[in-house]
């Protein structure tokens, strides 16, 4: 007995594409996150792709603009980035490339990578950060803040630090 198998290259390519292609694509997308019926944030992106592999996630390869709200639906902070990914399985949202967060007091965070842990309601970075306040510019490696960037701390500050009219380096 002789058996023969033939691989159809078109079929093989199509199967491979199914594993790497998004299951949904949304252009000019808006996503509203709410908790107990209250809007927490509004995310806008020119392109949102949904993937359903072993780890389900949303990818926003053309950037994002995220507006966070307080309990009275007043804007608390704005986050922008050139790339973002949201993971369904662990409730974490990662922003990368030219990440900027501005809070209601006008304080601004600049970094190249920022993670928002939805369950813990915090944002953090393990990379270089620059925080600009009304009176100073602070630098460091890593930071943690509440998700609205109202209370924050730099984990490993660098540069000059002004304390009660004195400068320490």
C-alpha atoms as a PDB file:
ATOM      1  CA  UNK A   1       0.000   0.000   0.000  1.00  0.00           C
ATOM      2  CA  UNK A   2       1.157   3.481  -0.812  1.00  0.00           C
ATOM      3  CA  UNK A   3      -0.099   6.694   0.757  1.00  0.00           C
ATOM      4  CA  UNK A   4       0.503  10.190  -0.454  1.00  0.00           C
ATOM      5  CA  UNK A   5       0.019  13.583   1.231  1.00  0.00           C
ATOM      6  CA  UNK A   6       0.061  16.927  -0.444  1.00  0.00           C
ATOM      7  CA  UNK A   7       0.196  20.266   1.355  1.00  0.00           C
ATOM      8  CA  UNK A   8      -1.755  23.066  -0.248  1.00  0.00           C
ATOM      9  CA  UNK A   9       0.397  26.163   0.407  1.00  0.00           C
ATOM     10  CA  UNK A  10      -2.603  28.499   0.150  1.00  0.00           C
ATOM     11  CA  UNK A  11      -4.414  26.568   2.909  1.00  0.00           C
ATOM     12  CA  UNK A  12      -1.307  26.549   5.104  1.00  0.00           C
ATOM     13  CA  UNK A  13      -0.886  30.337   4.726  1.00  0.00           C
ATOM     14  CA  UNK A  14      -4.562  30.947   5.560  1.00  0.00           C
ATOM     15  CA  UNK A  15      -4.290  28.830   8.713  1.00  0.00           C
ATOM     16  CA  UNK A  16      -1.168  30.766   9.744  1.00  0.00           C
ATOM     17  CA  UNK A  17      -2.904  34.101   9.135  1.00  0.00           C
ATOM     18  CA  UNK A  18      -5.827  33.107  11.341  1.00  0.00           C
ATOM     19  CA  UNK A  19      -3.447  32.733  14.281  1.00  0.00           C
ATOM     20  CA  UNK A  20      -1.934  36.212  13.863  1.00  0.00           C
ATOM     21  CA  UNK A  21      -4.828  38.242  12.484  1.00  0.00           C
ATOM     22  CA  UNK A  22      -7.159  40.278  14.672  1.00  0.00           C
ATOM     23  CA  UNK A  23     -10.724  38.994  15.070  1.00  0.00           C
ATOM     24  CA  UNK A  24     -12.068  42.562  15.068  1.00  0.00           C
ATOM     25  CA  UNK A  25     -10.806  45.893  13.735  1.00  0.00           C
ATOM     26  CA  UNK A  26     -12.366  49.216  14.726  1.00  0.00           C
ATOM     27  CA  UNK A  27     -11.454  52.576  13.202  1.00  0.00           C
ATOM     28  CA  UNK A  28     -12.036  55.859  15.036  1.00  0.00           C
ATOM     29  CA  UNK A  29     -12.984  53.819  18.073  1.00  0.00           C
ATOM     30  CA  UNK A  30     -14.284  54.990  21.424  1.00  0.00           C
ATOM     31  CA  UNK A  31     -14.374  52.712  24.455  1.00  0.00           C
ATOM     32  CA  UNK A  32     -16.093  53.695  27.695  1.00  0.00           C
ATOM     33  CA  UNK A  33     -15.026  51.989  30.931  1.00  0.00           C
ATOM     34  CA  UNK A  34     -17.528  52.172  33.766  1.00  0.00           C
ATOM     35  CA  UNK A  35     -17.877  50.748  37.263  1.00  0.00           C
ATOM     36  CA  UNK A  36     -21.284  50.313  38.890  1.00  0.00           C
ATOM     37  CA  UNK A  37     -22.841  52.427  36.138  1.00  0.00           C
ATOM     38  CA  UNK A  38     -20.433  55.343  36.599  1.00  0.00           C
ATOM     39  CA  UNK A  39     -18.130  56.300  33.740  1.00  0.00           C
ATOM     40  CA  UNK A  40     -14.496  55.984  34.823  1.00  0.00           C
ATOM     41  CA  UNK A  41     -12.747  56.760  31.546  1.00  0.00           C
ATOM     42  CA  UNK A  42     -13.192  57.363  27.850  1.00  0.00           C
ATOM     43  CA  UNK A  43     -10.602  55.919  25.474  1.00  0.00           C
ATOM     44  CA  UNK A  44     -10.307  57.122  21.871  1.00  0.00           C
ATOM     45  CA  UNK A  45      -8.079  55.586  19.215  1.00  0.00           C
ATOM     46  CA  UNK A  46      -7.880  55.843  15.431  1.00  0.00           C
ATOM     47  CA  UNK A  47      -7.378  52.050  15.217  1.00  0.00           C
ATOM     48  CA  UNK A  48      -8.296  49.297  17.690  1.00  0.00           C
ATOM     49  CA  UNK A  49      -7.566  45.632  16.963  1.00  0.00           C
ATOM     50  CA  UNK A  50      -8.930  42.748  19.062  1.00  0.00           C
ATOM     51  CA  UNK A  51      -6.958  39.510  19.243  1.00  0.00           C
ATOM     52  CA  UNK A  52      -8.228  36.253  20.703  1.00  0.00           C
ATOM     53  CA  UNK A  53      -5.227  34.019  21.126  1.00  0.00           C
ATOM     54  CA  UNK A  54      -4.140  32.293  24.323  1.00  0.00           C
ATOM     55  CA  UNK A  55      -4.042  35.820  25.780  1.00  0.00           C
ATOM     56  CA  UNK A  56      -6.902  38.030  24.643  1.00  0.00           C
ATOM     57  CA  UNK A  57      -6.013  41.677  24.176  1.00  0.00           C
ATOM     58  CA  UNK A  58      -6.792  44.929  22.410  1.00  0.00           C
ATOM     59  CA  UNK A  59      -4.019  46.654  20.476  1.00  0.00           C
ATOM     60  CA  UNK A  60      -4.043  50.337  19.569  1.00  0.00           C
ATOM     61  CA  UNK A  61      -1.071  50.693  17.212  1.00  0.00           C
ATOM     62  CA  UNK A  62      -1.877  54.255  16.092  1.00  0.00           C
ATOM     63  CA  UNK A  63      -2.073  55.762  19.555  1.00  0.00           C
ATOM     64  CA  UNK A  64      -4.627  56.600  22.221  1.00  0.00           C
ATOM     65  CA  UNK A  65      -6.186  59.462  24.086  1.00  0.00           C
ATOM     66  CA  UNK A  66      -7.714  58.513  27.459  1.00  0.00           C
ATOM     67  CA  UNK A  67      -9.769  60.872  29.606  1.00  0.00           C
ATOM     68  CA  UNK A  68     -10.253  59.875  33.271  1.00  0.00           C
ATOM     69  CA  UNK A  69     -13.272  61.209  35.196  1.00  0.00           C
ATOM     70  CA  UNK A  70     -14.069  61.790  38.871  1.00  0.00           C
ATOM     71  CA  UNK A  71     -17.352  60.703  40.499  1.00  0.00           C
ATOM     72  CA  UNK A  72     -19.059  63.901  39.260  1.00  0.00           C
ATOM     73  CA  UNK A  73     -17.982  63.163  35.643  1.00  0.00           C
ATOM     74  CA  UNK A  74     -15.471  66.003  35.689  1.00  0.00           C
ATOM     75  CA  UNK A  75     -12.202  65.277  33.856  1.00  0.00           C
ATOM     76  CA  UNK A  76      -9.387  64.366  36.266  1.00  0.00           C
ATOM     77  CA  UNK A  77      -6.535  63.554  33.913  1.00  0.00           C
ATOM     78  CA  UNK A  78      -5.629  62.937  30.295  1.00  0.00           C
ATOM     79  CA  UNK A  79      -3.288  60.223  29.025  1.00  0.00           C
ATOM     80  CA  UNK A  80      -1.895  60.132  25.495  1.00  0.00           C
ATOM     81  CA  UNK A  81       0.502  57.656  23.886  1.00  0.00           C
ATOM     82  CA  UNK A  82       1.572  56.537  20.426  1.00  0.00           C
ATOM     83  CA  UNK A  83       0.862  52.832  21.150  1.00  0.00           C
ATOM     84  CA  UNK A  84      -1.195  50.885  23.674  1.00  0.00           C
ATOM     85  CA  UNK A  85      -2.287  47.374  24.560  1.00  0.00           C
ATOM     86  CA  UNK A  86      -5.040  46.242  26.928  1.00  0.00           C
ATOM     87  CA  UNK A  87      -4.915  42.699  28.306  1.00  0.00           C
ATOM     88  CA  UNK A  88      -8.269  41.055  29.109  1.00  0.00           C
ATOM     89  CA  UNK A  89      -6.895  38.311  31.363  1.00  0.00           C
ATOM     90  CA  UNK A  90      -5.140  40.503  33.955  1.00  0.00           C
ATOM     91  CA  UNK A  91      -6.955  43.872  33.717  1.00  0.00           C
ATOM     92  CA  UNK A  92      -3.744  45.695  32.797  1.00  0.00           C
ATOM     93  CA  UNK A  93      -3.367  48.402  30.231  1.00  0.00           C
ATOM     94  CA  UNK A  94       0.063  49.290  28.816  1.00  0.00           C
ATOM     95  CA  UNK A  95       0.873  52.567  27.040  1.00  0.00           C
ATOM     96  CA  UNK A  96       4.162  53.003  25.178  1.00  0.00           C
ATOM     97  CA  UNK A  97       6.025  55.552  23.063  1.00  0.00           C
ATOM     98  CA  UNK A  98       5.815  59.185  24.076  1.00  0.00           C
ATOM     99  CA  UNK A  99       3.432  58.637  26.992  1.00  0.00           C
ATOM    100  CA  UNK A 100       2.105  61.859  28.522  1.00  0.00           C
ATOM    101  CA  UNK A 101      -0.266  62.182  31.492  1.00  0.00           C
ATOM    102  CA  UNK A 102      -1.598  65.563  32.612  1.00  0.00           C
ATOM    103  CA  UNK A 103      -3.676  65.847  35.806  1.00  0.00           C
ATOM    104  CA  UNK A 104      -6.265  68.430  36.854  1.00  0.00           C
ATOM    105  CA  UNK A 105      -3.558  70.498  38.595  1.00  0.00           C
ATOM    106  CA  UNK A 106      -1.547  70.793  35.383  1.00  0.00           C
ATOM    107  CA  UNK A 107       1.201  68.400  36.554  1.00  0.00           C
ATOM    108  CA  UNK A 108       2.625  66.441  33.650  1.00  0.00           C
ATOM    109  CA  UNK A 109       4.269  63.011  33.475  1.00  0.00           C
ATOM    110  CA  UNK A 110       6.426  62.021  30.501  1.00  0.00           C
ATOM    111  CA  UNK A 111       7.752  58.492  30.033  1.00  0.00           C
ATOM    112  CA  UNK A 112       8.145  55.797  27.376  1.00  0.00           C
ATOM    113  CA  UNK A 113       6.143  53.083  29.167  1.00  0.00           C
ATOM    114  CA  UNK A 114       3.263  53.238  31.608  1.00  0.00           C
ATOM    115  CA  UNK A 115       1.070  50.468  33.031  1.00  0.00           C
ATOM    116  CA  UNK A 116      -2.428  50.995  34.411  1.00  0.00           C
ATOM    117  CA  UNK A 117      -3.523  48.238  36.810  1.00  0.00           C
ATOM    118  CA  UNK A 118      -7.315  48.507  36.704  1.00  0.00           C
ATOM    119  CA  UNK A 119      -7.933  46.319  39.775  1.00  0.00           C
ATOM    120  CA  UNK A 120      -5.413  48.119  41.987  1.00  0.00           C
ATOM    121  CA  UNK A 121      -6.417  51.509  40.517  1.00  0.00           C
ATOM    122  CA  UNK A 122      -2.788  52.567  40.083  1.00  0.00           C
ATOM    123  CA  UNK A 123      -0.468  53.585  37.256  1.00  0.00           C
ATOM    124  CA  UNK A 124       3.244  52.863  37.317  1.00  0.00           C
ATOM    125  CA  UNK A 125       6.385  52.890  35.226  1.00  0.00           C
ATOM    126  CA  UNK A 126       9.719  51.116  35.586  1.00  0.00           C
ATOM    127  CA  UNK A 127      11.427  53.438  33.101  1.00  0.00           C
ATOM    128  CA  UNK A 128      12.817  56.962  33.077  1.00  0.00           C
ATOM    129  CA  UNK A 129      10.177  59.546  34.049  1.00  0.00           C
ATOM    130  CA  UNK A 130       9.968  63.324  33.968  1.00  0.00           C
ATOM    131  CA  UNK A 131       7.335  65.058  36.083  1.00  0.00           C
ATOM    132  CA  UNK A 132       6.721  68.759  35.568  1.00  0.00           C
ATOM    133  CA  UNK A 133       4.890  70.686  38.298  1.00  0.00           C
ATOM    134  CA  UNK A 134       4.132  74.391  38.597  1.00  0.00           C
ATOM    135  CA  UNK A 135       7.417  74.983  40.446  1.00  0.00           C
ATOM    136  CA  UNK A 136       9.884  72.332  39.300  1.00  0.00           C
ATOM    137  CA  UNK A 137      10.885  69.565  36.924  1.00  0.00           C
ATOM    138  CA  UNK A 138      11.671  66.207  38.533  1.00  0.00           C
ATOM    139  CA  UNK A 139      13.442  63.211  36.998  1.00  0.00           C
ATOM    140  CA  UNK A 140      13.824  59.608  38.031  1.00  0.00           C
ATOM    141  CA  UNK A 141      13.625  55.950  37.211  1.00  0.00           C
ATOM    142  CA  UNK A 142      10.208  54.500  37.918  1.00  0.00           C
ATOM    143  CA  UNK A 143       7.100  55.997  39.466  1.00  0.00           C
ATOM    144  CA  UNK A 144       3.796  55.033  41.054  1.00  0.00           C
ATOM    145  CA  UNK A 145       0.561  56.997  41.244  1.00  0.00           C
ATOM    146  CA  UNK A 146      -3.146  56.620  41.729  1.00  0.00           C
ATOM    147  CA  UNK A 147      -4.883  56.009  38.399  1.00  0.00           C
ATOM    148  CA  UNK A 148      -5.856  59.677  38.105  1.00  0.00           C
ATOM    149  CA  UNK A 149      -2.239  60.889  38.649  1.00  0.00           C
ATOM    150  CA  UNK A 150      -3.270  63.048  41.618  1.00  0.00           C
ATOM    151  CA  UNK A 151      -1.007  61.429  44.257  1.00  0.00           C
ATOM    152  CA  UNK A 152       2.309  60.255  42.841  1.00  0.00           C
ATOM    153  CA  UNK A 153       5.889  59.409  43.779  1.00  0.00           C
ATOM    154  CA  UNK A 154       9.110  58.909  41.860  1.00  0.00           C
ATOM    155  CA  UNK A 155      10.763  55.648  42.954  1.00  0.00           C
ATOM    156  CA  UNK A 156      14.403  56.511  42.208  1.00  0.00           C
ATOM    157  CA  UNK A 157      14.747  60.307  41.852  1.00  0.00           C
ATOM    158  CA  UNK A 158      17.738  61.774  40.029  1.00  0.00           C
ATOM    159  CA  UNK A 159      19.070  65.307  39.557  1.00  0.00           C
ATOM    160  CA  UNK A 160      18.725  68.344  41.792  1.00  0.00           C
ATOM    161  CA  UNK A 161      16.007  68.409  44.434  1.00  0.00           C
ATOM    162  CA  UNK A 162      14.865  71.615  46.135  1.00  0.00           C
ATOM    163  CA  UNK A 163      13.879  71.276  49.793  1.00  0.00           C
ATOM    164  CA  UNK A 164      12.821  74.367  51.813  1.00  0.00           C
ATOM    165  CA  UNK A 165      14.817  76.851  49.742  1.00  0.00           C
ATOM    166  CA  UNK A 166      17.884  74.570  49.625  1.00  0.00           C
ATOM    167  CA  UNK A 167      19.155  72.572  46.691  1.00  0.00           C
ATOM    168  CA  UNK A 168      20.588  69.064  47.143  1.00  0.00           C
ATOM    169  CA  UNK A 169      22.308  67.109  44.394  1.00  0.00           C
END
